[in-house]
Amino acid sequence: APTANIDNLVFALLINKGEAEKWRIEAVPQHGENRYIITTQDQKDGWVAPDAPDEQIICKPLTATKSQP
């Protein structure tokens, strides 16, 4: 389903599908099979999975941390 960032939450659009966001989806295989980073086209915000499995996907600025190669 088409989706959009509404009040910093990702919603599926069942109506008003023309208002859907265009997302940038980038594979990150170094983090495992079927791992992706989903961001806005300008890459300022991205999808963040909440800790609880029954909570909604959040759309917020992504933070980068140092990692070991």
Foldseek 3Di string as FASTA:
>chain_A
DFWDQDVQFIDDDPPPSVPGFDWDWDDDCVVHPPDIWIAGPVLQWTWDDDPDPPDTIGIHGDDDDDDDD
